[in-house]
Amino acid sequence: MAAVMKARNRWHDAEELRWAVRHWATKIGVRAPHIHLRGMRTKWASLSTVGRLTLNTELLDLPKDLGEFVIVHELVHLLAPNHGKVFKSFMHAYLPEWEKREQALQKFSDSKFTRRVVAFR
C-alpha cells in the first residue's frame, strides 16, 4: 500500500507536469507559457522573458507537491520579477505552505542532487 501511495504522489509523465503548469497558470490568472522539458544541471526550472518555461526533467522524479512549488514559483515571476515582498505575498496567496515546500525541496536537492541542482533564492 505504501508503494501505491508513493506512486500516486509522483508525476505520471511529462504531460501531467504540463497539465499542472496550465492548471496553475489559470488559477494564478497568468497566460500559460510555452512549456519545455529538458535536463538541467543547476536549476529546477527557468522562465524566459519571452514566455518560455523550461522545466528540469528530474522534476518527474519529485513528489508532486515539490513540483507544484517549482511551477507556482516560476509562474509567480510573471507577476513579480524578483523575490521581494510582492513575490512572497503572491506565493502565500496561491500556495500558503510554500516555505515548507521550499525547505523540503532544498533537503531533497541536498540528498539527491548534491551540488548539482540548487533550490531557489
Protein backbone atom coordinates (compact mmCIF):
# COMPACT_ATOMS: atom_id res chain seq x y z
CA MET A 1 0.00 0.00 0.00
CA ALA A 2 2.84 2.42 0.80
CA ALA A 3 4.31 1.86 -2.67
CA VAL A 4 0.94 2.71 -4.24
CA MET A 5 0.67 5.92 -2.21
CA LYS A 6 4.23 6.87 -3.11
CA ALA A 7 3.50 6.25 -6.80
CA ARG A 8 0.37 8.44 -6.63
CA ASN A 9 2.44 11.25 -5.17
CA ARG A 10 4.77 11.23 -8.20
CA TRP A 11 4.16 12.65 -11.65
CA HIS A 12 2.76 10.09 -14.06
CA ASP A 13 4.52 11.58 -17.08
CA ALA A 14 5.62 14.82 -18.72
CA GLU A 15 2.09 15.57 -19.94
CA GLU A 16 0.78 15.55 -16.38
CA LEU A 17 3.50 18.05 -15.46
CA ARG A 18 2.49 20.24 -18.42
CA TRP A 19 -1.15 19.98 -17.34
CA ALA A 20 -0.15 21.18 -13.86
CA VAL A 21 1.52 24.26 -15.38
CA ARG A 22 -1.63 25.09 -17.36
CA HIS A 23 -3.81 24.47 -14.29
CA TRP A 24 -1.72 26.77 -12.07
CA ALA A 25 -1.46 29.45 -14.75
CA THR A 26 -5.26 29.56 -14.90
CA LYS A 27 -5.54 29.60 -11.11
CA ILE A 28 -2.99 32.42 -10.79
CA GLY A 29 -4.50 34.34 -13.70
CA VAL A 30 -1.46 34.44 -15.97
CA ARG A 31 -1.04 33.33 -19.54
CA ALA A 32 0.29 29.79 -19.70
CA PRO A 33 3.85 29.90 -21.02
CA HIS A 34 5.30 27.64 -23.69
CA ILE A 35 6.41 24.59 -21.72
CA HIS A 36 9.61 22.70 -22.44
CA LEU A 37 11.23 19.88 -20.51
CA ARG A 38 14.92 19.09 -20.61
CA GLY A 39 17.68 18.03 -18.30
CA MET A 40 19.15 20.95 -16.39
CA ARG A 41 22.29 20.69 -14.30
CA THR A 42 21.88 23.63 -11.93
CA LYS A 43 18.18 24.59 -11.85
CA TRP A 44 14.77 23.07 -11.39
CA ALA A 45 13.23 25.49 -13.87
CA SER A 46 13.64 28.78 -15.65
CA LEU A 47 11.27 31.28 -17.21
CA SER A 48 12.41 33.42 -20.11
CA THR A 49 11.28 36.95 -20.80
CA VAL A 50 9.54 35.74 -23.96
CA GLY A 51 7.32 33.34 -22.02
CA ARG A 52 9.16 30.04 -22.30
CA LEU A 53 9.04 27.88 -19.18
CA THR A 54 11.75 25.25 -19.12
CA LEU A 55 11.33 22.52 -16.53
CA ASN A 56 14.04 20.13 -15.44
CA THR A 57 13.08 16.57 -16.43
CA GLU A 58 14.20 15.46 -12.97
CA LEU A 59 11.02 17.11 -11.63
CA LEU A 60 9.25 13.97 -12.84
CA ASP A 61 11.02 12.08 -10.04
CA LEU A 62 9.99 14.54 -7.32
CA PRO A 63 6.85 14.34 -5.20
CA LYS A 64 4.06 16.34 -6.82
CA ASP A 65 3.88 18.91 -4.02
CA LEU A 66 7.52 19.87 -4.63
CA GLY A 67 6.98 20.03 -8.39
CA GLU A 68 3.95 22.24 -7.82
CA PHE A 69 6.09 24.55 -5.71
CA VAL A 70 8.56 24.89 -8.61
CA ILE A 71 5.71 25.56 -11.05
CA VAL A 72 3.99 28.16 -8.85
CA HIS A 73 7.33 29.81 -8.06
CA GLU A 74 8.08 30.28 -11.76
CA LEU A 75 4.57 31.42 -12.68
CA VAL A 76 4.51 33.98 -9.85
CA HIS A 77 7.55 35.54 -11.52
CA LEU A 78 5.13 36.61 -14.26
CA LEU A 79 3.51 38.80 -11.58
CA ALA A 80 6.60 39.79 -9.61
CA PRO A 81 10.03 39.50 -11.23
CA ASN A 82 12.14 39.30 -8.05
CA HIS A 83 11.87 37.55 -4.69
CA GLY A 84 10.78 40.64 -2.77
CA LYS A 85 7.72 41.27 -0.60
CA VAL A 86 5.28 41.30 -3.51
CA PHE A 87 6.58 37.95 -4.75
CA LYS A 88 6.27 36.43 -1.28
CA SER A 89 2.74 37.83 -0.90
CA PHE A 90 1.68 36.14 -4.12
CA MET A 91 3.34 32.89 -3.03
CA HIS A 92 1.43 32.98 0.27
CA ALA A 93 -1.82 33.71 -1.58
CA TYR A 94 -1.50 30.84 -4.05
CA LEU A 95 0.50 28.31 -2.05
CA PRO A 96 0.23 29.15 1.67
CA GLU A 97 2.69 26.44 2.72
CA TRP A 98 5.24 27.39 0.06
CA GLU A 99 8.06 27.91 2.56
CA LYS A 100 7.71 24.35 3.88
CA ARG A 101 7.77 23.05 0.33
CA GLU A 102 10.81 25.15 -0.47
CA GLN A 103 12.62 23.72 2.56
CA ALA A 104 11.63 20.19 1.57
CA LEU A 105 12.87 20.80 -1.96
CA GLN A 106 16.18 22.03 -0.62
CA LYS A 107 16.55 18.93 1.56
CA PHE A 108 15.64 16.74 -1.41
CA SER A 109 18.14 18.63 -3.54
CA ASP A 110 20.86 18.24 -0.94
CA SER A 111 20.35 14.49 -0.64
CA LYS A 112 19.64 13.53 -4.24
CA PHE A 113 21.43 16.10 -6.38
CA THR A 114 24.35 17.07 -4.18
CA ARG A 115 25.87 20.28 -5.57
CA ARG A 116 24.19 19.72 -8.92
CA VAL A 117 20.70 21.20 -8.67
CA VAL A 118 20.07 24.18 -6.42
CA ALA A 119 16.81 25.38 -4.98
CA PHE A 120 15.54 28.94 -5.27
CA ARG A 121 16.53 32.17 -3.55
